[in-house]
Amino acid sequence: MNIIFDWSGVIKDAAAAHLWVVNRMFEKFGLKEITLEELKENWVQPYMLFYNKYLPNLTLEEEQTAYREAILHEDCPKSTAFPGIPELVKKLKKRGDYVAVISSDLPETVLPEMKEYGLENIFDDVVIHTHDKTEAIKNLINVHSMEPAVTFFIGDSNHEIIAGKRARVKTIAVTWGFSTERGLKSENPDFLVHDIKELEEVIT
């Protein structure tokens, strides 16, 4: 099988860092802070859909500059891997599955985190700093001649579900990331999982 993971919200527990970064960016642009609950209720991807809710005139270039400044700041909270996820990834790799990551995160954060989580040199492909994941999935499918029926894209937001459906792969939404379960259900993923055990049952 082919298993493609989102990074933040699926493998990495980035809730604290994500909220901190969003609020530092909002402060920079003169907006008041929001709570984690508000962030989860309103978070959508591609991420400019979220930021333009609050800042309609914000450009992608401005967002990326402000995001980089915030996420690389020394005061940004440190993120950790969700318990059990690195072990599952390595189990899939050992089984002979194709495993990959598609993330909107920066290489300056993802690559050191992979090393820290024991996932360095595990993934067959790592696609980083992508705004819209639809084309990234399609490119991997084309390059490796994957069969969509045995290809899964695992995400925690509306965008991963939509992108996976557009690429005609199986979509798995996890409830431990940035989005509410209600929001995930509204996109009708092929599978909705609540913990690592459920995720492993679906893909193994």
Protein backbone atom coordinates (compact mmCIF):
# COMPACT_ATOMS: atom_id res chain seq x y z
CA MET A 1 0.00 0.00 0.00
CA ASN A 2 0.91 3.65 -0.37
CA ILE A 3 0.56 5.79 2.75
CA ILE A 4 0.94 9.56 2.49
CA PHE A 5 0.97 11.53 5.73
CA ASP A 6 0.37 15.15 6.52
CA TRP A 7 2.95 16.29 9.09
CA SER A 8 1.58 18.85 11.57
CA GLY A 9 -1.57 17.61 13.28
CA VAL A 10 -1.04 14.01 12.18
CA ILE A 11 2.53 13.06 13.07
CA LYS A 12 3.50 16.20 14.99
CA ASP A 13 1.49 17.59 17.89
CA ALA A 14 1.78 21.23 16.91
CA ALA A 15 -1.31 22.70 18.59
CA ALA A 16 0.57 24.92 21.05
CA ALA A 17 3.09 26.08 18.46
CA HIS A 18 0.41 26.65 15.84
CA LEU A 19 -1.69 28.81 18.17
CA TRP A 20 1.40 30.75 19.26
CA VAL A 21 2.44 31.40 15.65
CA VAL A 22 -1.05 32.46 14.55
CA ASN A 23 -1.35 34.89 17.46
CA ARG A 24 2.12 36.36 16.86
CA MET A 25 1.14 36.92 13.25
CA PHE A 26 -2.17 38.47 14.28
CA GLU A 27 -0.33 40.76 16.68
CA LYS A 28 2.00 41.81 13.87
CA PHE A 29 -0.98 42.77 11.71
CA GLY A 30 -2.90 44.50 14.50
CA LEU A 31 -5.43 41.81 15.37
CA LYS A 32 -6.35 40.50 18.82
CA GLU A 33 -5.38 37.00 19.94
CA ILE A 34 -7.68 34.04 19.45
CA THR A 35 -8.16 30.92 21.55
CA LEU A 36 -7.30 27.37 20.55
CA GLU A 37 -11.02 26.62 20.32
CA GLU A 38 -11.55 29.49 17.87
CA LEU A 39 -8.55 28.41 15.87
CA LYS A 40 -9.88 24.86 15.53
CA GLU A 41 -13.34 26.08 14.60
CA ASN A 42 -12.02 28.37 11.87
CA TRP A 43 -8.89 26.60 10.59
CA VAL A 44 -9.09 25.67 6.91
CA GLN A 45 -6.53 24.95 4.25
CA PRO A 46 -4.97 25.94 1.95
CA TYR A 47 -3.95 28.16 4.84
CA MET A 48 -4.55 31.46 3.02
CA LEU A 49 -8.27 30.70 3.25
CA PHE A 50 -7.89 30.92 7.03
CA TYR A 51 -5.74 34.07 7.14
CA ASN A 52 -7.89 35.89 4.61
CA LYS A 53 -10.92 35.41 6.86
CA TYR A 54 -9.24 37.82 9.27
CA LEU A 55 -7.00 39.72 6.86
CA PRO A 56 -8.74 39.89 3.46
CA ASN A 57 -5.91 41.82 1.81
CA LEU A 58 -3.05 39.69 3.13
CA THR A 59 -0.95 38.21 0.30
CA LEU A 60 0.68 34.80 0.25
CA GLU A 61 4.11 36.43 0.27
CA GLU A 62 3.24 38.53 3.33
CA GLU A 63 1.85 35.49 5.13
CA GLN A 64 4.89 33.37 4.39
CA THR A 65 7.27 36.10 5.59
CA ALA A 66 5.35 36.60 8.84
CA TYR A 67 4.95 32.86 9.37
CA ARG A 68 8.65 32.16 8.90
CA GLU A 69 9.52 34.94 11.36
CA ALA A 70 7.14 33.51 13.97
CA ILE A 71 7.76 29.77 13.62
CA LEU A 72 11.54 30.21 13.75
CA HIS A 73 11.42 32.56 16.76
CA GLU A 74 13.26 31.26 19.80
CA ASP A 75 10.13 31.65 21.96
CA CYS A 76 7.95 29.47 19.75
CA PRO A 77 6.79 26.40 21.74
CA LYS A 78 8.54 23.16 20.87
CA SER A 79 6.44 20.45 19.25
CA THR A 80 6.61 16.70 19.84
CA ALA A 81 5.42 13.64 17.95
CA PHE A 82 2.06 12.13 18.84
CA PRO A 83 2.75 8.98 20.89
CA GLY A 84 2.84 5.86 18.74
CA ILE A 85 2.90 7.58 15.38
CA PRO A 86 6.65 7.30 14.64
CA GLU A 87 6.50 3.63 15.56
CA LEU A 88 3.56 3.10 13.20
CA VAL A 89 5.36 4.84 10.34
CA LYS A 90 8.42 2.64 10.81
CA LYS A 91 6.21 -0.46 11.03
CA LEU A 92 4.61 0.41 7.69
CA LYS A 93 8.00 1.02 6.11
CA LYS A 94 9.33 -2.28 7.43
CA ARG A 95 6.26 -4.03 6.03
CA GLY A 96 7.26 -2.76 2.60
CA ASP A 97 4.69 -0.01 2.17
CA TYR A 98 5.47 3.24 0.39
CA VAL A 99 5.39 6.05 2.98
CA ALA A 100 5.62 9.77 2.26
CA VAL A 101 4.95 13.17 3.81
CA ILE A 102 3.30 16.19 2.23
CA SER A 103 3.44 19.27 4.42
CA SER A 104 3.00 23.02 4.27
CA ASP A 105 5.63 23.36 7.01
CA LEU A 106 9.11 24.76 6.41
CA PRO A 107 12.13 22.49 5.84
CA GLU A 108 13.82 24.33 8.72
CA THR A 109 11.29 22.77 11.09
CA VAL A 110 10.27 19.49 9.44
CA LEU A 111 13.72 18.05 8.74
CA PRO A 112 15.11 18.52 12.29
CA GLU A 113 11.84 17.17 13.70
CA MET A 114 12.10 14.04 11.56
CA LYS A 115 15.54 13.42 12.99
CA GLU A 116 14.31 14.07 16.54
CA TYR A 117 11.34 11.71 16.14
CA GLY A 118 13.52 8.92 14.73
CA LEU A 119 12.04 9.27 11.24
CA GLU A 120 15.07 10.52 9.34
CA ASN A 121 15.56 8.60 6.08
CA ILE A 122 12.36 6.61 6.67
CA PHE A 123 10.06 8.31 4.16
CA ASP A 124 10.31 7.50 0.47
CA ASP A 125 9.36 11.09 -0.41
CA VAL A 126 9.14 14.30 1.60
CA VAL A 127 7.30 17.23 0.00
CA ILE A 128 7.63 20.37 2.13
CA HIS A 129 6.41 23.98 2.09
CA THR A 130 3.51 23.34 -0.26
CA HIS A 131 0.45 25.58 -0.15
CA ASP A 132 -2.02 23.35 -2.03
CA LYS A 133 -1.49 19.60 -1.49
CA THR A 134 -3.66 18.42 -4.37
CA GLU A 135 -0.96 18.70 -7.02
CA ALA A 136 1.64 17.24 -4.67
CA ILE A 137 -0.41 14.06 -4.26
CA LYS A 138 -1.04 13.81 -8.00
CA ASN A 139 2.67 14.25 -8.70
CA LEU A 140 3.62 11.41 -6.36
CA ILE A 141 0.99 9.18 -7.94
CA ASN A 142 2.31 9.93 -11.42
CA VAL A 143 6.00 9.58 -10.54
CA HIS A 144 5.53 6.23 -8.82
CA SER A 145 2.63 4.93 -10.95
CA MET A 146 0.55 4.38 -7.80
CA GLU A 147 -2.84 2.72 -7.85
CA PRO A 148 -5.23 5.21 -6.18
CA ALA A 149 -7.38 2.40 -4.78
CA VAL A 150 -4.51 1.30 -2.50
CA THR A 151 -3.22 4.79 -1.74
CA PHE A 152 -4.18 6.63 1.45
CA PHE A 153 -3.75 10.29 2.36
CA ILE A 154 -3.92 10.95 6.09
CA GLY A 155 -4.73 14.47 7.26
CA ASP A 156 -6.33 16.51 10.00
CA SER A 157 -8.02 19.29 8.01
CA ASN A 158 -10.60 19.90 5.32
CA HIS A 159 -7.87 20.43 2.76
CA GLU A 160 -6.28 17.01 3.14
CA ILE A 161 -9.68 15.38 2.59
CA ILE A 162 -10.49 17.56 -0.42
CA ALA A 163 -7.01 17.13 -1.90
CA GLY A 164 -7.16 13.37 -1.46
CA LYS A 165 -10.57 13.15 -3.11
CA ARG A 166 -9.40 15.26 -6.04
CA ALA A 167 -6.46 12.89 -6.46
CA ARG A 168 -8.91 9.95 -6.18
CA VAL A 169 -7.10 8.30 -3.28
CA LYS A 170 -8.57 7.02 -0.01
CA THR A 171 -8.84 9.76 2.61
CA ILE A 172 -8.31 9.27 6.34
CA ALA A 173 -9.16 12.13 8.70
CA VAL A 174 -7.66 12.08 12.19
CA THR A 175 -9.43 13.90 15.02
CA TRP A 176 -6.33 14.72 17.10
CA GLY A 177 -5.14 17.60 14.91
CA PHE A 178 -6.18 21.19 14.16
CA SER A 179 -9.79 20.65 13.06
CA THR A 180 -12.98 19.74 14.87
CA GLU A 181 -14.59 16.36 14.28
CA ARG A 182 -17.68 18.13 13.01
CA GLY A 183 -15.67 19.99 10.41
CA LEU A 184 -13.91 16.83 9.29
CA LYS A 185 -17.17 14.90 8.95
CA SER A 186 -18.60 17.63 6.74
CA GLU A 187 -16.03 16.74 4.06
CA ASN A 188 -17.02 13.03 4.09
CA PRO A 189 -13.61 11.37 4.43
CA ASP A 190 -13.44 7.67 3.58
CA PHE A 191 -12.36 7.01 7.15
CA LEU A 192 -12.56 9.06 10.36
CA VAL A 193 -10.25 7.83 13.13
CA HIS A 194 -10.00 8.90 16.75
CA ASP A 195 -6.76 7.25 17.90
CA ILE A 196 -3.63 5.48 16.69
CA LYS A 197 -5.23 2.04 17.08
CA GLU A 198 -8.08 2.94 14.73
CA LEU A 199 -5.62 4.41 12.23
CA GLU A 200 -3.50 1.26 12.24
CA GLU A 201 -6.59 -0.92 11.75
CA VAL A 202 -7.56 1.06 8.65
CA ILE A 203 -4.17 0.96 6.95
CA THR A 204 -3.03 -2.52 8.01
